[in-house]
Amino acid sequence: EDIIANSGMTLYTDFVNNFDTDHENQGERIF
């Protein structure tokens, strides 16, 4: 709940963004 409330992270609208090269090291990709 600390992470959810305070990190500012949200899920990408498009699931594919988790695995492309355009969204590396940002958004919901934590490490």
PDB file of all heavy atoms in Angstrom:
ATOM      1  N   GLU A   1       0.823  -1.214   0.000  1.00  0.00           N
ATOM      2  CA  GLU A   1       0.000   0.000   0.000  1.00  0.00           C
ATOM      3  C   GLU A   1       0.853   1.258   0.000  1.00  0.00           C
ATOM      4  O   GLU A   1       0.463   2.283  -0.576  1.00  0.00           O
ATOM      5  CB  GLU A   1      -0.958  -0.035   1.196  1.00  0.00           C
ATOM      6  CG  GLU A   1      -2.074  -1.056   0.997  1.00  0.00           C
ATOM      7  CD  GLU A   1      -2.975  -1.227   2.204  1.00  0.00           C
ATOM      8  OE1 GLU A   1      -2.642  -0.673   3.279  1.00  0.00           O
ATOM      9  OE2 GLU A   1      -4.011  -1.918   2.079  1.00  0.00           O
ATOM     10  N   ASP A   2       2.010   1.199   0.621  1.00  0.00           N
ATOM     11  CA  ASP A   2       2.958   2.314   0.559  1.00  0.00           C
ATOM     12  C   ASP A   2       3.397   2.560  -0.882  1.00  0.00           C
ATOM     13  O   ASP A   2       3.406   3.701  -1.366  1.00  0.00           O
ATOM     14  CB  ASP A   2       4.165   2.002   1.447  1.00  0.00           C
ATOM     15  CG  ASP A   2       5.232   3.082   1.422  1.00  0.00           C
ATOM     16  OD1 ASP A   2       4.936   4.221   0.997  1.00  0.00           O
ATOM     17  OD2 ASP A   2       6.379   2.787   1.830  1.00  0.00           O
ATOM     18  N   ILE A   3       3.752   1.493  -1.581  1.00  0.00           N
ATOM     19  CA  ILE A   3       4.180   1.614  -2.979  1.00  0.00           C
ATOM     20  C   ILE A   3       3.030   2.125  -3.843  1.00  0.00           C
ATOM     21  O   ILE A   3       3.206   3.041  -4.670  1.00  0.00           O
ATOM     22  CB  ILE A   3       4.690   0.259  -3.509  1.00  0.00           C
ATOM     23  CG1 ILE A   3       5.883  -0.222  -2.682  1.00  0.00           C
ATOM     24  CG2 ILE A   3       5.085   0.368  -4.986  1.00  0.00           C
ATOM     25  CD1 ILE A   3       6.280  -1.671  -2.942  1.00  0.00           C
ATOM     26  N   ILE A   4       1.844   1.562  -3.661  1.00  0.00           N
ATOM     27  CA  ILE A   4       0.686   1.948  -4.468  1.00  0.00           C
ATOM     28  C   ILE A   4       0.319   3.412  -4.245  1.00  0.00           C
ATOM     29  O   ILE A   4       0.033   4.153  -5.193  1.00  0.00           O
ATOM     30  CB  ILE A   4      -0.513   1.031  -4.132  1.00  0.00           C
ATOM     31  CG1 ILE A   4      -0.235  -0.406  -4.620  1.00  0.00           C
ATOM     32  CG2 ILE A   4      -1.798   1.554  -4.764  1.00  0.00           C
ATOM     33  CD1 ILE A   4      -1.213  -1.441  -4.072  1.00  0.00           C
ATOM     34  N   ALA A   5       0.366   3.849  -2.993  1.00  0.00           N
ATOM     35  CA  ALA A   5      -0.072   5.205  -2.658  1.00  0.00           C
ATOM     36  C   ALA A   5       0.967   6.275  -2.958  1.00  0.00           C
ATOM     37  O   ALA A   5       0.615   7.414  -3.303  1.00  0.00           O
ATOM     38  CB  ALA A   5      -0.463   5.263  -1.182  1.00  0.00           C
ATOM     39  N   ASN A   6       2.252   5.929  -2.861  1.00  0.00           N
ATOM     40  CA  ASN A   6       3.284   6.961  -2.870  1.00  0.00           C
ATOM     41  C   ASN A   6       4.273   6.920  -4.024  1.00  0.00           C
ATOM     42  O   ASN A   6       5.023   7.872  -4.221  1.00  0.00           O
ATOM     43  CB  ASN A   6       4.070   6.907  -1.550  1.00  0.00           C
ATOM     44  CG  ASN A   6       3.175   7.156  -0.343  1.00  0.00           C
ATOM     45  OD1 ASN A   6       2.422   8.132  -0.321  1.00  0.00           O
ATOM     46  ND2 ASN A   6       3.240   6.269   0.642  1.00  0.00           N
ATOM     47  N   SER A   7       4.292   5.838  -4.783  1.00  0.00           N
ATOM     48  CA  SER A   7       5.286   5.736  -5.860  1.00  0.00           C
ATOM     49  C   SER A   7       4.888   6.515  -7.106  1.00  0.00           C
ATOM     50  O   SER A   7       5.743   6.844  -7.936  1.00  0.00           O
ATOM     51  CB  SER A   7       5.503   4.270  -6.242  1.00  0.00           C
ATOM     52  OG  SER A   7       4.351   3.742  -6.888  1.00  0.00           O
ATOM     53  N   GLY A   8       3.587   6.765  -7.267  1.00  0.00           N
ATOM     54  CA  GLY A   8       3.108   7.411  -8.491  1.00  0.00           C
ATOM     55  C   GLY A   8       2.997   6.468  -9.663  1.00  0.00           C
ATOM     56  O   GLY A   8       2.639   6.882 -10.771  1.00  0.00           O
ATOM     57  N   MET A   9       3.280   5.186  -9.446  1.00  0.00           N
ATOM     58  CA  MET A   9       3.223   4.221 -10.544  1.00  0.00           C
ATOM     59  C   MET A   9       1.780   3.824 -10.855  1.00  0.00           C
ATOM     60  O   MET A   9       0.942   3.726  -9.954  1.00  0.00           O
ATOM     61  CB  MET A   9       4.031   2.969 -10.217  1.00  0.00           C
ATOM     62  CG  MET A   9       5.522   3.145 -10.360  1.00  0.00           C
ATOM     63  SD  MET A   9       6.441   1.606 -10.113  1.00  0.00           S
ATOM     64  CE  MET A   9       6.452   1.495  -8.333  1.00  0.00           C
ATOM     65  N   THR A  10       1.521   3.624 -12.114  1.00  0.00           N
ATOM     66  CA  THR A  10       0.259   3.053 -12.576  1.00  0.00           C
ATOM     67  C   THR A  10       0.584   2.043 -13.661  1.00  0.00           C
ATOM     68  O   THR A  10       1.690   2.035 -14.212  1.00  0.00           O
ATOM     69  CB  THR A  10      -0.681   4.136 -13.148  1.00  0.00           C
ATOM     70  OG1 THR A  10      -0.021   4.799 -14.234  1.00  0.00           O
ATOM     71  CG2 THR A  10      -1.073   5.150 -12.087  1.00  0.00           C
ATOM     72  N   LEU A  11      -0.369   1.207 -13.987  1.00  0.00           N
ATOM     73  CA  LEU A  11      -0.176   0.248 -15.060  1.00  0.00           C
ATOM     74  C   LEU A  11      -0.191   0.947 -16.407  1.00  0.00           C
ATOM     75  O   LEU A  11      -0.957   1.896 -16.621  1.00  0.00           O
ATOM     76  CB  LEU A  11      -1.286  -0.804 -15.039  1.00  0.00           C
ATOM     77  CG  LEU A  11      -1.353  -1.744 -13.835  1.00  0.00           C
ATOM     78  CD1 LEU A  11      -2.591  -2.623 -13.928  1.00  0.00           C
ATOM     79  CD2 LEU A  11      -0.097  -2.593 -13.725  1.00  0.00           C
ATOM     80  N   TYR A  12       0.660   0.501 -17.305  1.00  0.00           N
ATOM     81  CA  TYR A  12       0.562   0.967 -18.685  1.00  0.00           C
ATOM     82  C   TYR A  12      -0.811   0.598 -19.236  1.00  0.00           C
ATOM     83  O   TYR A  12      -1.349  -0.467 -18.920  1.00  0.00           O
ATOM     84  CB  TYR A  12       1.621   0.306 -19.565  1.00  0.00           C
ATOM     85  CG  TYR A  12       3.035   0.780 -19.355  1.00  0.00           C
ATOM     86  CD1 TYR A  12       4.044  -0.128 -19.035  1.00  0.00           C
ATOM     87  CD2 TYR A  12       3.376   2.118 -19.502  1.00  0.00           C
ATOM     88  CE1 TYR A  12       5.355   0.290 -18.859  1.00  0.00           C
ATOM     89  CE2 TYR A  12       4.685   2.549 -19.321  1.00  0.00           C
ATOM     90  CZ  TYR A  12       5.667   1.631 -18.997  1.00  0.00           C
ATOM     91  OH  TYR A  12       6.949   2.052 -18.826  1.00  0.00           O
ATOM     92  N   THR A  13      -1.348   1.445 -20.067  1.00  0.00           N
ATOM     93  CA  THR A  13      -2.598   1.096 -20.737  1.00  0.00           C
ATOM     94  C   THR A  13      -2.390  -0.097 -21.646  1.00  0.00           C
ATOM     95  O   THR A  13      -3.225  -1.005 -21.729  1.00  0.00           O
ATOM     96  CB  THR A  13      -3.131   2.293 -21.545  1.00  0.00           C
ATOM     97  OG1 THR A  13      -3.341   3.395 -20.662  1.00  0.00           O
ATOM     98  CG2 THR A  13      -4.434   1.943 -22.245  1.00  0.00           C
ATOM     99  N   ASP A  14      -1.247  -0.101 -22.329  1.00  0.00           N
ATOM    100  CA  ASP A  14      -0.909  -1.186 -23.252  1.00  0.00           C
ATOM    101  C   ASP A  14       0.092  -2.123 -22.588  1.00  0.00           C
ATOM    102  O   ASP A  14       1.221  -1.733 -22.273  1.00  0.00           O
ATOM    103  CB  ASP A  14      -0.328  -0.605 -24.543  1.00  0.00           C
ATOM    104  CG  ASP A  14      -0.174  -1.648 -25.655  1.00  0.00           C
ATOM    105  OD1 ASP A  14      -0.226  -2.852 -25.346  1.00  0.00           O
ATOM    106  OD2 ASP A  14       0.008  -1.250 -26.818  1.00  0.00           O
ATOM    107  N   PHE A  15      -0.296  -3.352 -22.380  1.00  0.00           N
ATOM    108  CA  PHE A  15       0.542  -4.363 -21.740  1.00  0.00           C
ATOM    109  C   PHE A  15       1.892  -4.510 -22.433  1.00  0.00           C
ATOM    110  O   PHE A  15       2.922  -4.753 -21.784  1.00  0.00           O
ATOM    111  CB  PHE A  15      -0.216  -5.693 -21.762  1.00  0.00           C
ATOM    112  CG  PHE A  15       0.503  -6.858 -21.157  1.00  0.00           C
ATOM    113  CD1 PHE A  15       0.706  -6.947 -19.789  1.00  0.00           C
ATOM    114  CD2 PHE A  15       0.963  -7.899 -21.956  1.00  0.00           C
ATOM    115  CE1 PHE A  15       1.353  -8.040 -19.224  1.00  0.00           C
ATOM    116  CE2 PHE A  15       1.616  -8.993 -21.408  1.00  0.00           C
ATOM    117  CZ  PHE A  15       1.806  -9.062 -20.036  1.00  0.00           C
ATOM    118  N   VAL A  16       1.930  -4.328 -23.748  1.00  0.00           N
ATOM    119  CA  VAL A  16       3.151  -4.527 -24.535  1.00  0.00           C
ATOM    120  C   VAL A  16       4.268  -3.583 -24.118  1.00  0.00           C
ATOM    121  O   VAL A  16       5.450  -3.903 -24.264  1.00  0.00           O
ATOM    122  CB  VAL A  16       2.843  -4.362 -26.042  1.00  0.00           C
ATOM    123  CG1 VAL A  16       4.113  -4.449 -26.880  1.00  0.00           C
ATOM    124  CG2 VAL A  16       1.853  -5.421 -26.497  1.00  0.00           C
ATOM    125  N   ASN A  17       3.923  -2.422 -23.557  1.00  0.00           N
ATOM    126  CA  ASN A  17       4.945  -1.442 -23.183  1.00  0.00           C
ATOM    127  C   ASN A  17       5.914  -1.972 -22.136  1.00  0.00           C
ATOM    128  O   ASN A  17       7.004  -1.431 -21.970  1.00  0.00           O
ATOM    129  CB  ASN A  17       4.285  -0.164 -22.666  1.00  0.00           C
ATOM    130  CG  ASN A  17       3.542   0.592 -23.746  1.00  0.00           C
ATOM    131  OD1 ASN A  17       3.685   0.306 -24.928  1.00  0.00           O
ATOM    132  ND2 ASN A  17       2.730   1.551 -23.345  1.00  0.00           N
ATOM    133  N   ASN A  18       5.507  -3.029 -21.438  1.00  0.00           N
ATOM    134  CA  ASN A  18       6.406  -3.621 -20.449  1.00  0.00           C
ATOM    135  C   ASN A  18       7.604  -4.309 -21.078  1.00  0.00           C
ATOM    136  O   ASN A  18       8.587  -4.585 -20.383  1.00  0.00           O
ATOM    137  CB  ASN A  18       5.639  -4.647 -19.603  1.00  0.00           C
ATOM    138  CG  ASN A  18       4.764  -4.007 -18.554  1.00  0.00           C
ATOM    139  OD1 ASN A  18       5.267  -3.383 -17.621  1.00  0.00           O
ATOM    140  ND2 ASN A  18       3.457  -4.168 -18.689  1.00  0.00           N
ATOM    141  N   PHE A  19       7.542  -4.592 -22.373  1.00  0.00           N
ATOM    142  CA  PHE A  19       8.560  -5.451 -22.981  1.00  0.00           C
ATOM    143  C   PHE A  19       9.181  -4.870 -24.241  1.00  0.00           C
ATOM    144  O   PHE A  19       9.920  -5.568 -24.925  1.00  0.00           O
ATOM    145  CB  PHE A  19       7.935  -6.824 -23.288  1.00  0.00           C
ATOM    146  CG  PHE A  19       7.130  -7.355 -22.146  1.00  0.00           C
ATOM    147  CD1 PHE A  19       5.743  -7.326 -22.184  1.00  0.00           C
ATOM    148  CD2 PHE A  19       7.754  -7.831 -21.005  1.00  0.00           C
ATOM    149  CE1 PHE A  19       4.992  -7.777 -21.123  1.00  0.00           C
ATOM    150  CE2 PHE A  19       7.009  -8.284 -19.924  1.00  0.00           C
ATOM    151  CZ  PHE A  19       5.630  -8.256 -19.977  1.00  0.00           C
ATOM    152  N   ASP A  20       8.912  -3.599 -24.547  1.00  0.00           N
ATOM    153  CA  ASP A  20       9.522  -3.004 -25.729  1.00  0.00           C
ATOM    154  C   ASP A  20      10.765  -2.214 -25.327  1.00  0.00           C
ATOM    155  O   ASP A  20      11.128  -2.150 -24.147  1.00  0.00           O
ATOM    156  CB  ASP A  20       8.515  -2.144 -26.505  1.00  0.00           C
ATOM    157  CG  ASP A  20       7.971  -0.974 -25.677  1.00  0.00           C
ATOM    158  OD1 ASP A  20       8.650  -0.546 -24.711  1.00  0.00           O
ATOM    159  OD2 ASP A  20       6.879  -0.481 -25.999  1.00  0.00           O
ATOM    160  N   THR A  21      11.418  -1.624 -26.297  1.00  0.00           N
ATOM    161  CA  THR A  21      12.629  -0.856 -26.003  1.00  0.00           C
ATOM    162  C   THR A  21      12.346   0.632 -25.829  1.00  0.00           C
ATOM    163  O   THR A  21      13.252   1.387 -25.477  1.00  0.00           O
ATOM    164  CB  THR A  21      13.669  -1.044 -27.127  1.00  0.00           C
ATOM    165  OG1 THR A  21      13.090  -0.673 -28.384  1.00  0.00           O
ATOM    166  CG2 THR A  21      14.137  -2.485 -27.195  1.00  0.00           C
ATOM    167  N   ASP A  22      11.110   1.055 -26.059  1.00  0.00           N
ATOM    168  CA  ASP A  22      10.764   2.473 -25.958  1.00  0.00           C
ATOM    169  C   ASP A  22      10.370   2.894 -24.548  1.00  0.00           C
ATOM    170  O   ASP A  22      10.301   4.095 -24.267  1.00  0.00           O
ATOM    171  CB  ASP A  22       9.608   2.810 -26.913  1.00  0.00           C
ATOM    172  CG  ASP A  22       9.993   2.666 -28.371  1.00  0.00           C
ATOM    173  OD1 ASP A  22      11.190   2.857 -28.683  1.00  0.00           O
ATOM    174  OD2 ASP A  22       9.117   2.347 -29.189  1.00  0.00           O
ATOM    175  N   HIS A  23      10.078   1.944 -23.680  1.00  0.00           N
ATOM    176  CA  HIS A  23       9.599   2.284 -22.343  1.00  0.00           C
ATOM    177  C   HIS A  23      10.500   1.714 -21.250  1.00  0.00           C
ATOM    178  O   HIS A  23      10.050   1.488 -20.122  1.00  0.00           O
ATOM    179  CB  HIS A  23       8.165   1.765 -22.157  1.00  0.00           C
ATOM    180  CG  HIS A  23       7.160   2.416 -23.049  1.00  0.00           C
ATOM    181  ND1 HIS A  23       6.946   2.000 -24.353  1.00  0.00           N
ATOM    182  CD2 HIS A  23       6.326   3.463 -22.844  1.00  0.00           C
ATOM    183  CE1 HIS A  23       6.008   2.762 -24.901  1.00  0.00           C
ATOM    184  NE2 HIS A  23       5.623   3.648 -24.009  1.00  0.00           N
ATOM    185  N   GLU A  24      11.762   1.522 -21.554  1.00  0.00           N
ATOM    186  CA  GLU A  24      12.669   0.930 -20.580  1.00  0.00           C
ATOM    187  C   GLU A  24      12.951   1.895 -19.429  1.00  0.00           C
ATOM    188  O   GLU A  24      13.023   3.106 -19.610  1.00  0.00           O
ATOM    189  CB  GLU A  24      13.975   0.517 -21.259  1.00  0.00           C
ATOM    190  CG  GLU A  24      13.769  -0.639 -22.246  1.00  0.00           C
ATOM    191  CD  GLU A  24      15.030  -1.066 -22.962  1.00  0.00           C
ATOM    192  OE1 GLU A  24      15.971  -0.244 -23.036  1.00  0.00           O
ATOM    193  OE2 GLU A  24      15.074  -2.208 -23.446  1.00  0.00           O
ATOM    194  N   ASN A  25      13.077   1.326 -18.217  1.00  0.00           N
ATOM    195  CA  ASN A  25      13.450   2.083 -17.020  1.00  0.00           C
ATOM    196  C   ASN A  25      12.473   3.207 -16.696  1.00  0.00           C
ATOM    197  O   ASN A  25      12.872   4.286 -16.256  1.00  0.00           O
ATOM    198  CB  ASN A  25      14.869   2.660 -17.178  1.00  0.00           C
ATOM    199  CG  ASN A  25      15.896   1.594 -17.491  1.00  0.00           C
ATOM    200  OD1 ASN A  25      15.913   0.540 -16.854  1.00  0.00           O
ATOM    201  ND2 ASN A  25      16.738   1.835 -18.480  1.00  0.00           N
ATOM    202  N   GLN A  26      11.206   2.964 -16.893  1.00  0.00           N
ATOM    203  CA  GLN A  26      10.211   3.983 -16.598  1.00  0.00           C
ATOM    204  C   GLN A  26       8.860   3.326 -16.331  1.00  0.00           C
ATOM    205  O   GLN A  26       8.683   2.126 -16.535  1.00  0.00           O
ATOM    206  CB  GLN A  26      10.076   4.969 -17.770  1.00  0.00           C
ATOM    207  CG  GLN A  26       9.698   4.328 -19.082  1.00  0.00           C
ATOM    208  CD  GLN A  26       9.656   5.304 -20.239  1.00  0.00           C
ATOM    209  OE1 GLN A  26       8.770   6.149 -20.308  1.00  0.00           O
ATOM    210  NE2 GLN A  26      10.637   5.215 -21.130  1.00  0.00           N
ATOM    211  N   GLY A  27       7.909   4.142 -15.892  1.00  0.00           N
ATOM    212  CA  GLY A  27       6.549   3.663 -15.679  1.00  0.00           C
ATOM    213  C   GLY A  27       6.497   2.522 -14.685  1.00  0.00           C
ATOM    214  O   GLY A  27       7.092   2.579 -13.610  1.00  0.00           O
ATOM    215  N   GLU A  28       5.768   1.477 -15.028  1.00  0.00           N
ATOM    216  CA  GLU A  28       5.580   0.358 -14.110  1.00  0.00           C
ATOM    217  C   GLU A  28       6.744  -0.623 -14.099  1.00  0.00           C
ATOM    218  O   GLU A  28       6.724  -1.617 -13.365  1.00  0.00           O
ATOM    219  CB  GLU A  28       4.284  -0.388 -14.432  1.00  0.00           C
ATOM    220  CG  GLU A  28       4.276  -1.129 -15.751  1.00  0.00           C
ATOM    221  CD  GLU A  28       3.036  -2.018 -15.906  1.00  0.00           C
ATOM    222  OE1 GLU A  28       2.946  -3.042 -15.214  1.00  0.00           O
ATOM    223  OE2 GLU A  28       2.167  -1.664 -16.717  1.00  0.00           O
ATOM    224  N   ARG A  29       7.751  -0.349 -14.900  1.00  0.00           N
ATOM    225  CA  ARG A  29       8.920  -1.229 -14.941  1.00  0.00           C
ATOM    226  C   ARG A  29       9.861  -0.840 -13.805  1.00  0.00           C
ATOM    227  O   ARG A  29      10.638   0.102 -13.905  1.00  0.00           O
ATOM    228  CB  ARG A  29       9.573  -1.132 -16.316  1.00  0.00           C
ATOM    229  CG  ARG A  29       8.657  -1.664 -17.408  1.00  0.00           C
ATOM    230  CD  ARG A  29       9.067  -1.267 -18.802  1.00  0.00           C
ATOM    231  NE  ARG A  29      10.331  -1.843 -19.208  1.00  0.00           N
ATOM    232  CZ  ARG A  29      10.675  -2.087 -20.475  1.00  0.00           C
ATOM    233  NH1 ARG A  29       9.805  -1.822 -21.449  1.00  0.00           N
ATOM    234  NH2 ARG A  29      11.837  -2.599 -20.775  1.00  0.00           N
ATOM    235  N   ILE A  30       9.805  -1.588 -12.725  1.00  0.00           N
ATOM    236  CA  ILE A  30      10.469  -1.194 -11.483  1.00  0.00           C
ATOM    237  C   ILE A  30      11.966  -1.471 -11.501  1.00  0.00           C
ATOM    238  O   ILE A  30      12.768  -0.674 -11.031  1.00  0.00           O
ATOM    239  CB  ILE A  30       9.798  -1.899 -10.286  1.00  0.00           C
ATOM    240  CG1 ILE A  30       8.346  -1.425 -10.159  1.00  0.00           C
ATOM    241  CG2 ILE A  30      10.561  -1.629  -8.992  1.00  0.00           C
ATOM    242  CD1 ILE A  30       7.567  -2.140  -9.070  1.00  0.00           C
ATOM    243  N   PHE A  31      12.366  -2.628 -12.031  1.00  0.00           N
ATOM    244  CA  PHE A  31      13.789  -2.976 -12.030  1.00  0.00           C
ATOM    245  C   PHE A  31      14.057  -3.929 -13.172  1.00  0.00           C
ATOM    246  O   PHE A  31      13.335  -4.909 -13.366  1.00  0.00           O
ATOM    247  CB  PHE A  31      14.188  -3.623 -10.700  1.00  0.00           C
ATOM    248  CG  PHE A  31      15.661  -3.881 -10.568  1.00  0.00           C
ATOM    249  CD1 PHE A  31      16.578  -2.837 -10.590  1.00  0.00           C
ATOM    250  CD2 PHE A  31      16.141  -5.172 -10.406  1.00  0.00           C
ATOM    251  CE1 PHE A  31      17.946  -3.077 -10.477  1.00  0.00           C
ATOM    252  CE2 PHE A  31      17.506  -5.424 -10.274  1.00  0.00           C
ATOM    253  CZ  PHE A  31      18.394  -4.368 -10.309  1.00  0.00           C
TER     254      PHE A  31
END
